[in-house]
Protein backbone atom coordinates (compact mmCIF):
# COMPACT_ATOMS: atom_id res chain seq x y z
CA UNK A 1 -0.67 7.65 -4.77
CA UNK A 2 2.33 5.66 -3.60
CA UNK A 3 5.63 6.22 -5.41
CA UNK A 4 8.87 4.27 -5.22
CA UNK A 5 12.39 4.63 -6.56
CA UNK A 6 14.09 1.35 -7.41
CA UNK A 7 17.32 0.15 -9.00
CA UNK A 8 17.07 -1.03 -12.59
CA UNK A 9 20.53 -2.19 -13.51
CA UNK A 10 22.95 0.73 -13.32
CA UNK A 11 20.19 3.36 -13.11
CA UNK A 12 17.32 4.29 -10.82
CA UNK A 13 13.72 4.15 -11.98
CA UNK A 14 10.59 5.71 -10.54
CA UNK A 15 7.27 3.95 -10.39
CA UNK A 16 3.81 4.22 -8.89
CA UNK A 17 2.30 1.29 -7.02
CA UNK A 18 -0.80 -0.53 -8.16
CA UNK A 19 -1.43 -3.26 -5.64
CA UNK A 20 1.78 -5.28 -5.46
CA UNK A 21 3.08 -4.09 -8.83
CA UNK A 22 5.27 -1.14 -9.77
CA UNK A 23 4.13 0.75 -12.87
CA UNK A 24 7.32 2.37 -14.07
CA UNK A 25 7.68 5.88 -15.44
CA UNK A 26 10.02 6.60 -18.34
CA UNK A 27 13.75 5.98 -17.83
CA UNK A 28 15.57 9.04 -16.53
CA UNK A 29 12.59 10.42 -14.62
CA UNK A 30 13.26 11.15 -10.93
CA UNK A 31 10.87 12.07 -8.16
CA UNK A 32 12.79 15.28 -7.52
CA UNK A 33 12.40 16.15 -11.18
CA UNK A 34 8.63 15.89 -10.88
CA UNK A 35 8.42 18.28 -7.94
CA UNK A 36 8.25 22.06 -7.92
CA UNK A 37 4.50 22.69 -7.94
CA UNK A 38 1.62 21.72 -5.66
CA UNK A 39 1.82 18.05 -6.71
CA UNK A 40 -0.08 18.26 -9.99
CA UNK A 41 2.85 17.21 -12.18
CA UNK A 42 3.63 14.23 -9.96
CA UNK A 43 0.02 13.06 -9.96
CA UNK A 44 -0.26 13.43 -13.72
CA UNK A 45 2.88 11.35 -14.20
CA UNK A 46 1.52 8.70 -11.87
CA UNK A 47 -1.82 8.55 -13.64
CA UNK A 48 -0.08 8.13 -17.01
CA UNK A 49 2.05 5.31 -15.61
CA UNK A 50 -1.00 3.52 -14.22
CA UNK A 51 -2.73 3.74 -17.61
CA UNK A 52 0.27 3.06 -19.82
CA UNK A 53 3.39 2.02 -17.88
CA UNK A 54 6.81 1.81 -19.51
CA UNK A 55 7.40 -1.38 -17.49
CA UNK A 56 5.59 -3.38 -14.83
CA UNK A 57 7.63 -5.14 -12.16
CA UNK A 58 6.66 -6.93 -8.97
CA UNK A 59 7.13 -4.96 -5.78
CA UNK A 60 8.30 -8.09 -4.01
CA UNK A 61 11.99 -8.41 -4.71
CA UNK A 62 12.36 -5.01 -6.37
CA UNK A 63 15.56 -3.36 -5.05
CA UNK A 64 14.03 -0.25 -3.52
CA UNK A 65 16.04 2.90 -3.04
CA UNK A 66 15.08 5.84 -0.85
CA UNK A 67 12.12 7.54 -2.58
CA UNK A 68 14.25 10.71 -2.75
CA UNK A 69 17.81 9.29 -2.80
CA UNK A 70 19.46 12.72 -3.01
CA UNK A 71 17.52 15.28 -0.94
CA UNK A 72 19.02 18.79 -1.09
CA UNK A 73 18.77 19.07 2.70
CA UNK A 74 17.52 17.00 5.62
CA UNK A 75 16.21 18.88 8.65
CA UNK A 76 15.40 16.72 11.65
CA UNK A 77 13.04 18.14 14.25
CA UNK A 78 12.05 17.09 17.78
CA UNK A 79 8.28 17.26 18.07
CA UNK A 80 7.16 14.34 20.29
CA UNK A 81 6.97 15.39 23.94
CA UNK A 82 7.03 11.82 25.29
CA UNK A 83 10.37 11.21 23.58
CA UNK A 84 11.85 14.43 24.99
CA UNK A 85 10.67 13.59 28.50
CA UNK A 86 12.05 10.06 28.30
CA UNK A 87 15.50 10.94 27.06
CA UNK A 88 15.94 13.61 29.75
CA UNK A 89 16.49 10.76 32.18
CA UNK A 90 19.90 10.22 30.62
CA UNK A 91 20.97 13.63 31.91
CA UNK A 92 20.41 12.56 35.51
CA UNK A 93 18.69 14.52 38.25
CA UNK A 94 15.18 15.87 37.79
CA UNK A 95 15.71 17.91 34.66
CA UNK A 96 12.48 18.97 33.03
CA UNK A 97 11.79 19.90 29.43
CA UNK A 98 13.36 23.30 28.72
CA UNK A 99 10.58 25.91 28.36
CA UNK A 100 12.18 26.96 25.07
CA UNK A 101 11.19 23.61 23.56
CA UNK A 102 7.53 24.64 23.61
CA UNK A 103 8.19 27.93 21.82
CA UNK A 104 9.26 26.61 18.40
CA UNK A 105 9.97 23.28 16.67
CA UNK A 106 13.74 22.91 17.12
CA UNK A 107 15.74 21.07 14.44
CA UNK A 108 19.25 20.33 13.24
CA UNK A 109 20.63 19.68 9.77
CA UNK A 110 21.72 16.09 9.20
CA UNK A 111 23.73 14.55 6.36
CA UNK A 112 21.95 14.16 2.98
CA UNK A 113 24.93 12.09 1.74
CA UNK A 114 24.10 9.45 4.36
CA UNK A 115 20.68 8.52 2.93
CA UNK A 116 20.05 4.76 2.62
CA UNK A 117 17.19 2.86 1.03
CA UNK A 118 14.79 0.50 2.82
CA UNK A 119 16.70 -2.62 1.67
CA UNK A 120 20.15 -1.36 2.64
CA UNK A 121 22.17 -2.72 5.55
CA UNK A 122 23.10 -0.18 8.20
CA UNK A 123 26.74 -0.05 9.42
CA UNK A 124 27.71 0.72 12.99
CA UNK A 125 29.56 4.06 12.75
CA UNK A 126 33.32 4.05 13.39
CA UNK A 127 34.11 4.29 17.09
CA UNK A 128 30.50 3.77 18.20
CA UNK A 129 29.54 1.45 21.07
CA UNK A 130 26.06 2.87 21.79
CA UNK A 131 24.28 2.50 18.45
CA UNK A 132 20.58 3.36 18.35
CA UNK A 133 17.66 3.87 15.94
CA UNK A 134 14.94 6.52 15.80
CA UNK A 135 11.45 5.99 14.39
CA UNK A 136 10.24 9.11 12.59
CA UNK A 137 8.04 10.24 9.71
CA UNK A 138 9.45 12.62 7.12
CA UNK A 139 7.57 15.17 5.08
CA UNK A 140 8.96 15.83 1.60
CA UNK A 141 8.73 19.33 0.19
CA UNK A 142 7.10 19.52 -3.23
CA UNK A 143 6.71 23.26 -3.61
CA UNK A 144 9.57 25.49 -2.55
CA UNK A 145 9.21 28.75 -0.73
CA UNK A 146 10.65 31.33 1.64
CA UNK A 147 9.05 32.69 4.82
CA UNK A 148 6.13 30.30 4.37
CA UNK A 149 3.33 30.99 6.89
CA UNK A 150 1.89 27.97 8.69
CA UNK A 151 -1.52 28.77 7.22
CA UNK A 152 -0.16 28.02 3.72
CA UNK A 153 2.49 25.43 4.53
CA UNK A 154 0.51 22.22 3.96
CA UNK A 155 0.36 22.85 0.21
CA UNK A 156 4.17 22.74 0.14
CA UNK A 157 4.20 19.05 1.24
CA UNK A 158 4.04 16.52 -1.58
CA UNK A 159 4.04 13.43 0.64
CA UNK A 160 5.42 11.44 3.55
CA UNK A 161 7.68 8.45 4.18
CA UNK A 162 9.32 6.60 7.05
CA UNK A 163 12.62 7.92 8.39
CA UNK A 164 15.06 6.06 10.63
CA UNK A 165 17.61 8.47 12.08
CA UNK A 166 20.42 6.12 13.12
CA UNK A 167 22.29 7.51 16.11
CA UNK A 168 25.73 6.88 17.58
CA UNK A 169 24.74 7.95 21.08
CA UNK A 170 28.21 7.89 22.65
CA UNK A 171 29.61 10.08 19.86
CA UNK A 172 26.55 12.33 20.05
CA UNK A 173 26.79 12.82 23.83
CA UNK A 174 30.52 13.58 23.64
CA UNK A 175 30.28 16.20 20.90
CA UNK A 176 27.20 17.89 22.38
CA UNK A 177 29.15 18.43 25.61
CA UNK A 178 30.87 21.31 23.79
CA UNK A 179 27.47 22.83 22.90
CA UNK A 180 27.58 21.83 19.24
CA UNK A 181 25.99 18.95 17.41
CA UNK A 182 24.69 16.45 16.96
CA UNK A 183 27.09 15.95 14.05
CA UNK A 184 29.24 12.80 13.81
CA UNK A 185 26.74 11.09 16.08
CA UNK A 186 24.22 11.28 13.23
CA UNK A 187 26.53 11.30 10.23
CA UNK A 188 26.77 7.75 8.86
CA UNK A 189 23.26 6.52 7.97
CA UNK A 190 19.71 7.78 7.49
CA UNK A 191 17.10 5.38 6.11
CA UNK A 192 14.13 6.63 4.05
CA UNK A 193 11.29 4.65 2.52
CA UNK A 194 9.83 2.33 1.57
CA UNK A 195 7.39 4.51 -0.40
CA UNK A 196 6.45 8.16 -0.78
CA UNK A 197 2.74 8.38 0.06
CA UNK A 198 1.19 11.54 -1.36
CA UNK A 199 -0.45 13.91 1.06
CA UNK A 200 -3.94 13.51 -0.40
CA UNK A 201 -3.93 9.78 0.37
CA UNK A 202 -3.43 10.52 4.06
CA UNK A 203 -6.16 13.17 4.26
CA UNK A 204 -8.83 10.76 5.64
CA UNK A 205 -6.59 10.13 8.66
CA UNK A 206 -6.03 13.79 9.53
CA UNK A 207 -6.02 14.34 13.29
CA UNK A 208 -4.65 17.23 15.33
CA UNK A 209 -1.06 18.00 14.39
CA UNK A 210 -0.65 14.99 12.08
CA UNK A 211 -2.59 11.76 11.35
CA UNK A 212 -4.37 9.17 13.46
CA UNK A 213 -2.08 6.28 12.60
CA UNK A 214 -0.07 3.85 14.72
CA UNK A 215 3.74 3.79 14.93
CA UNK A 216 5.75 0.76 16.07
CA UNK A 217 9.46 0.09 16.61
CA UNK A 218 10.97 -3.37 17.18
CA UNK A 219 14.44 -4.89 17.57
CA UNK A 220 14.85 -8.56 16.60
CA UNK A 221 11.03 -8.80 16.42
CA UNK A 222 10.58 -7.63 20.02
CA UNK A 223 8.51 -4.44 20.23
CA UNK A 224 10.43 -1.58 21.87
CA UNK A 225 7.69 1.03 21.76
CA UNK A 226 4.53 2.30 20.10
CA UNK A 227 2.98 5.73 19.63
CA UNK A 228 0.41 7.58 17.54
CA UNK A 229 1.55 9.88 14.76
CA UNK A 230 -0.84 12.62 15.88
CA UNK A 231 0.95 12.81 19.25
CA UNK A 232 3.30 15.38 17.68
CA UNK A 233 3.35 18.61 19.70
CA UNK A 234 4.06 20.67 16.58
CA UNK A 235 2.49 20.24 13.14
CA UNK A 236 4.39 19.93 9.87
CA UNK A 237 2.98 23.31 8.92
CA UNK A 238 4.62 24.85 11.98
CA UNK A 239 7.85 23.01 11.14
CA UNK A 240 7.87 24.44 7.61
CA UNK A 241 7.09 27.93 8.84
CA UNK A 242 10.05 27.79 11.24
CA UNK A 243 12.39 26.10 8.76
CA UNK A 244 11.68 28.63 6.00
CA UNK A 245 11.92 31.73 8.18
CA UNK A 246 14.58 33.94 6.62
CA UNK A 247 15.59 31.24 4.14
CA UNK A 248 14.20 28.68 1.69
CA UNK A 249 12.76 25.22 1.60
CA UNK A 250 13.23 23.61 -1.80
CA UNK A 251 11.64 20.72 -3.71
CA UNK A 252 12.95 17.42 -2.38
CA UNK A 253 13.91 18.77 1.04
CA UNK A 254 13.19 16.29 3.83
CA UNK A 255 11.78 17.34 7.20
CA UNK A 256 11.85 14.65 9.88
CA UNK A 257 9.31 14.66 12.68
CA UNK A 258 11.81 13.66 15.32
CA UNK A 259 11.54 10.43 17.29
CA UNK A 260 8.11 9.33 18.41
CA UNK A 261 7.40 8.20 21.95
CA UNK A 262 9.03 4.83 22.55
CA UNK A 263 10.77 5.09 19.20
CA UNK A 264 14.39 4.58 20.26
CA UNK A 265 16.62 2.85 22.80
CA UNK A 266 17.78 6.15 24.33
CA UNK A 267 14.29 6.80 25.67
CA UNK A 268 14.18 3.29 27.12
CA UNK A 269 17.58 3.85 28.75
CA UNK A 270 16.41 7.20 30.10
CA UNK A 271 13.31 5.70 31.69
CA UNK A 272 14.59 2.29 32.86
CA UNK A 273 18.38 2.51 32.95
CA UNK A 274 21.25 1.37 30.75
CA UNK A 275 20.52 -2.32 31.38
CA UNK A 276 17.02 -2.08 29.90
CA UNK A 277 18.25 -3.10 26.45
CA UNK A 278 21.68 -3.56 24.86
CA UNK A 279 22.74 -1.12 22.13
CA UNK A 280 22.48 -2.30 18.55
CA UNK A 281 25.13 -4.74 17.34
CA UNK A 282 25.97 -6.32 13.97
CA UNK A 283 23.42 -9.04 13.29
CA UNK A 284 20.51 -7.19 14.91
CA UNK A 285 17.47 -6.23 12.86
CA UNK A 286 15.39 -3.11 13.45
CA UNK A 287 11.84 -2.83 12.13
CA UNK A 288 9.95 0.45 12.06
CA UNK A 289 6.41 0.78 10.78
CA UNK A 290 3.65 3.34 10.49
CA UNK A 291 0.13 2.46 9.39
CA UNK A 292 -0.46 3.32 5.70
CA UNK A 293 3.20 4.35 5.18
CA UNK A 294 4.52 0.78 5.45
CA UNK A 295 7.45 -0.95 7.14
CA UNK A 296 11.24 -1.05 6.95
CA UNK A 297 13.42 -3.81 8.38
CA UNK A 298 17.13 -2.98 8.49
CA UNK A 299 20.02 -5.30 9.28
CA UNK A 300 22.85 -3.90 11.37
CA UNK A 301 26.33 -4.73 10.03
CA UNK A 302 29.93 -3.94 10.94
CA UNK A 303 31.45 -0.84 9.39
CA UNK A 304 33.52 -1.77 6.30
CA UNK A 305 37.24 -2.23 6.78
CA UNK A 306 39.45 0.77 5.98
CA UNK A 307 39.92 1.19 2.24
CA UNK A 308 36.67 -0.55 1.29
CA UNK A 309 34.21 2.33 1.83
CA UNK A 310 33.42 5.18 -0.52
């Protein structure tokens, strides 16, 4: 099934897609509220909405929010080797991938307050002159757990959606020079959407560590890079095992795959130099897409003037 969260006046609504129509669940229902088991409750709610929806609205023009607008946590991993190799060029010299990278799927916590929906404009962070995007796929936790072994971890995933991890590279590089971060370099925006595709719908595409599906990133309609989702070095099961070691993953938690090969400007700069492509500026549009999961096109805008933000 394919679930969306959309704005309905002052409130959010949840619906399941049937073709190009949204079959709405009852007002007040949230995707997070339907999680907590192995996906049965979510599927039952979706089936009821397909049979007897509370409302039916057209997908086209519906103001989509992030499928999970308020994730408890967002962990962002780094699992695509091509991306790691490419960005190392920014460090200069002949630095290779640290051996530690192959030992475990490294991640950092990013800002759940920064989540944007697939129709939202993306502001350039304050003080940033090297703004970048990152094409990723996020797994959403449906069933919580602690110390989850990889052999059981797949049942904890309710579904997947696109993730764009917007990155202020100059701020990121500066703060990581003190051996902390990234923090403010990743703090302003994180786009999720357009739909949450349940894990069972992707099963026919299973391949290696992920799924045999294409990934594409473009700026102003010019393709920047492509990759295959199953090029991940680590699986989501391994990511969950590592994330939950000594702690919990909870329903609604988001786990990003990390940037795919060719999925950001930083990799292009690392391979071809700083003149290979200008950083993102207000007026640019960034489109990320993954087969089956859909597409998001985001417009880059100036950061609001002081006193006009939240």
